[in-house]
Amino acid sequence: MTLDPQLYGHLPSAWRRETTDRPRRMQPGAGNRSEELATSNAPTNGAATSNGRATAGEDRFVIRLGRRMVLVPVRDVIFVEAEGNYARLHLDGESHLLRATMKALEKRLSERGFVRIHRSTIVRCSEVAEIRATSSGDHEVTLKSGVVKRWSRTYRDQLEEFLGD
């Protein structure tokens, strides 16, 4: 496709060439919203690959709050709850919303002392103070902070692993 020089002659030739190859919204680094979402909440330890994504050994989350970014160390997370398409990281006295799936968080956090106890809850094992069986076959988990969560029958294997059976 050639551009009419009378309409686009004032633009640098390199820019004209790029825009004719593909639409601007598809050019790398053009501020794609999907790229921002993919990397903005990616957990990172400060070592990023060339595309801005985190590498192995990740030990903190990057949380976007408007124009600010807050770094939340994994060691400060007590439990995680699902909230629609987001996950809420609960810390001591505060919480942060993160765009991530529970499945991805479970995979990432299971290596760091967390266990999934419900389809919408992941807890730090060291924060569990008490586990009580209920008449329905589920369990109630009381955390050291006093928060009570349900450990569903679906995650019974994780319970047995947690208890060491």
Protein backbone atom coordinates (compact mmCIF):
# COMPACT_ATOMS: atom_id res chain seq x y z
CA MET A 1 0.00 0.00 0.00
CA THR A 2 1.40 3.41 -0.95
CA LEU A 3 0.48 6.58 0.83
CA ASP A 4 -0.31 9.77 -1.01
CA PRO A 5 2.79 12.01 -0.50
CA GLN A 6 0.59 15.13 -0.48
CA LEU A 7 -1.29 13.85 2.58
CA TYR A 8 1.51 12.04 4.40
CA GLY A 9 4.68 13.64 3.04
CA HIS A 10 5.38 15.47 6.31
CA LEU A 11 5.79 12.16 8.19
CA PRO A 12 9.21 10.50 8.51
CA SER A 13 9.71 7.73 5.97
CA ALA A 14 10.41 5.10 8.64
CA TRP A 15 7.07 5.81 10.31
CA ARG A 16 5.22 5.63 6.99
CA ARG A 17 6.86 2.26 6.29
CA GLU A 18 5.91 0.85 9.72
CA THR A 19 2.31 1.97 9.50
CA THR A 20 1.82 0.44 6.09
CA ASP A 21 3.20 -2.93 7.24
CA ARG A 22 0.67 -3.39 10.03
CA PRO A 23 -1.74 -1.34 12.10
CA ARG A 24 -0.18 0.66 14.95
CA ARG A 25 -2.21 -1.12 17.60
CA MET A 26 -0.46 -4.36 16.64
CA GLN A 27 3.07 -2.99 16.71
CA PRO A 28 5.21 -4.14 19.64
CA GLY A 29 5.53 -1.50 22.33
CA ALA A 30 2.60 0.50 20.94
CA GLY A 31 0.93 0.53 24.33
CA ASN A 32 -1.35 -2.45 23.80
CA ARG A 33 -3.68 -2.84 26.77
CA SER A 34 -3.35 -6.63 26.62
CA GLU A 35 0.46 -6.34 26.84
CA GLU A 36 0.13 -4.00 29.83
CA LEU A 37 -2.20 -6.43 31.62
CA ALA A 38 0.03 -9.38 30.87
CA THR A 39 3.08 -7.73 32.39
CA SER A 40 1.73 -5.18 34.88
CA ASN A 41 0.68 -7.67 37.53
CA ALA A 42 3.26 -10.29 36.74
CA PRO A 43 5.10 -11.28 39.89
CA THR A 44 8.73 -10.30 39.70
CA ASN A 45 11.90 -10.37 41.73
CA GLY A 46 13.43 -7.45 39.92
CA ALA A 47 15.03 -9.61 37.24
CA ALA A 48 12.97 -9.33 34.08
CA THR A 49 13.46 -10.82 30.67
CA SER A 50 13.69 -8.68 27.56
CA ASN A 51 9.91 -8.62 27.16
CA GLY A 52 9.37 -7.29 30.70
CA ARG A 53 7.97 -10.52 32.12
CA ALA A 54 9.26 -11.96 35.34
CA THR A 55 11.78 -14.78 35.48
CA ALA A 56 12.12 -17.73 37.82
CA GLY A 57 12.67 -17.14 41.53
CA GLU A 58 9.83 -14.66 41.75
CA ASP A 59 9.31 -13.50 45.32
CA ARG A 60 7.02 -10.49 45.04
CA PHE A 61 3.96 -9.19 43.24
CA VAL A 62 3.73 -5.87 41.41
CA ILE A 63 0.34 -4.30 42.16
CA ARG A 64 -0.84 -1.31 40.14
CA LEU A 65 -2.72 1.35 42.07
CA GLY A 66 -3.60 4.06 39.58
CA ARG A 67 -0.28 5.58 38.57
CA ARG A 68 1.64 3.92 41.41
CA MET A 69 3.07 0.43 41.61
CA VAL A 70 3.29 -1.33 44.95
CA LEU A 71 5.67 -4.24 45.49
CA VAL A 72 4.17 -6.91 47.74
CA PRO A 73 6.56 -9.63 48.95
CA VAL A 74 5.11 -13.15 48.84
CA ARG A 75 6.22 -13.63 52.47
CA ASP A 76 3.70 -10.93 53.53
CA VAL A 77 0.70 -12.66 51.94
CA ILE A 78 -1.50 -14.49 54.47
CA PHE A 79 -4.20 -15.78 52.12
CA VAL A 80 -5.64 -15.18 48.66
CA GLU A 81 -9.33 -14.99 47.75
CA ALA A 82 -10.91 -15.01 44.30
CA GLU A 83 -12.98 -11.96 43.34
CA GLY A 84 -14.42 -12.50 39.88
CA ASN A 85 -11.58 -12.22 37.35
CA TYR A 86 -9.25 -10.97 40.07
CA ALA A 87 -7.57 -12.31 43.19
CA ARG A 88 -7.36 -10.37 46.44
CA LEU A 89 -4.06 -10.74 48.30
CA HIS A 90 -4.68 -10.39 52.04
CA LEU A 91 -1.78 -9.08 54.08
CA ASP A 92 -1.61 -8.11 57.72
CA GLY A 93 -4.21 -5.31 57.94
CA GLU A 94 -4.48 -4.59 54.21
CA SER A 95 -5.37 -6.23 50.91
CA HIS A 96 -4.59 -5.70 47.24
CA LEU A 97 -6.41 -6.70 44.07
CA LEU A 98 -4.41 -8.58 41.45
CA ARG A 99 -5.51 -9.66 37.98
CA ALA A 100 -4.55 -13.33 38.01
CA THR A 101 -6.27 -16.69 37.96
CA MET A 102 -6.44 -18.83 41.06
CA LYS A 103 -4.93 -21.70 39.08
CA ALA A 104 -1.85 -19.65 38.19
CA LEU A 105 -1.51 -18.38 41.75
CA GLU A 106 -1.90 -21.88 43.17
CA LYS A 107 0.87 -23.17 40.91
CA ARG A 108 3.15 -20.29 41.84
CA LEU A 109 2.43 -20.18 45.56
CA SER A 110 2.36 -23.92 46.26
CA GLU A 111 6.17 -23.89 46.06
CA ARG A 112 6.26 -21.19 48.73
CA GLY A 113 4.28 -22.82 51.51
CA PHE A 114 0.70 -22.15 50.39
CA VAL A 115 -2.13 -24.63 49.93
CA ARG A 116 -5.40 -24.32 48.03
CA ILE A 117 -8.29 -25.15 50.35
CA HIS A 118 -11.25 -24.07 48.24
CA ARG A 119 -11.88 -23.08 44.63
CA SER A 120 -11.74 -19.46 45.78
CA THR A 121 -9.14 -19.61 48.61
CA ILE A 122 -5.41 -20.23 48.97
CA VAL A 123 -3.81 -19.95 52.43
CA ARG A 124 -0.26 -19.89 53.80
CA CYS A 125 0.31 -23.15 55.67
CA SER A 126 2.21 -21.46 58.49
CA GLU A 127 -0.81 -19.22 59.19
CA VAL A 128 -3.18 -22.13 59.93
CA ALA A 129 -3.96 -22.27 63.65
CA GLU A 130 -6.78 -24.83 63.76
CA ILE A 131 -8.70 -27.23 61.49
CA ARG A 132 -12.15 -28.51 62.51
CA ALA A 133 -14.25 -31.07 60.67
CA THR A 134 -17.85 -30.11 59.90
CA SER A 135 -20.89 -32.38 59.54
CA SER A 136 -20.93 -31.81 55.75
CA GLY A 137 -17.49 -33.39 55.29
CA ASP A 138 -15.79 -30.04 54.78
CA HIS A 139 -13.41 -28.51 57.30
CA GLU A 140 -13.20 -25.07 58.89
CA VAL A 141 -9.74 -23.54 58.93
CA THR A 142 -8.98 -20.86 61.50
CA LEU A 143 -5.97 -18.72 60.69
CA LYS A 144 -3.73 -17.12 63.32
CA SER A 145 -5.38 -13.79 62.53
CA GLY A 146 -8.77 -15.26 63.56
CA VAL A 147 -10.15 -15.44 60.02
CA VAL A 148 -12.17 -18.61 59.41
CA LYS A 149 -12.17 -20.22 55.94
CA ARG A 150 -13.81 -23.36 54.55
CA TRP A 151 -11.65 -26.25 53.35
CA SER A 152 -13.86 -28.02 50.82
CA ARG A 153 -14.04 -31.75 50.16
CA THR A 154 -12.80 -31.14 46.62
CA TYR A 155 -9.37 -30.29 48.05
CA ARG A 156 -9.22 -33.27 50.45
CA ASP A 157 -5.97 -34.49 48.85
CA GLN A 158 -4.31 -31.19 49.76
CA LEU A 159 -5.63 -31.56 53.33
CA GLU A 160 -4.10 -35.04 53.65
CA GLU A 161 -0.82 -33.72 52.20
CA PHE A 162 -0.92 -30.78 54.61
CA LEU A 163 -1.51 -33.05 57.61
CA GLY A 164 1.19 -35.45 56.42
CA ASP A 165 -1.04 -38.52 56.04
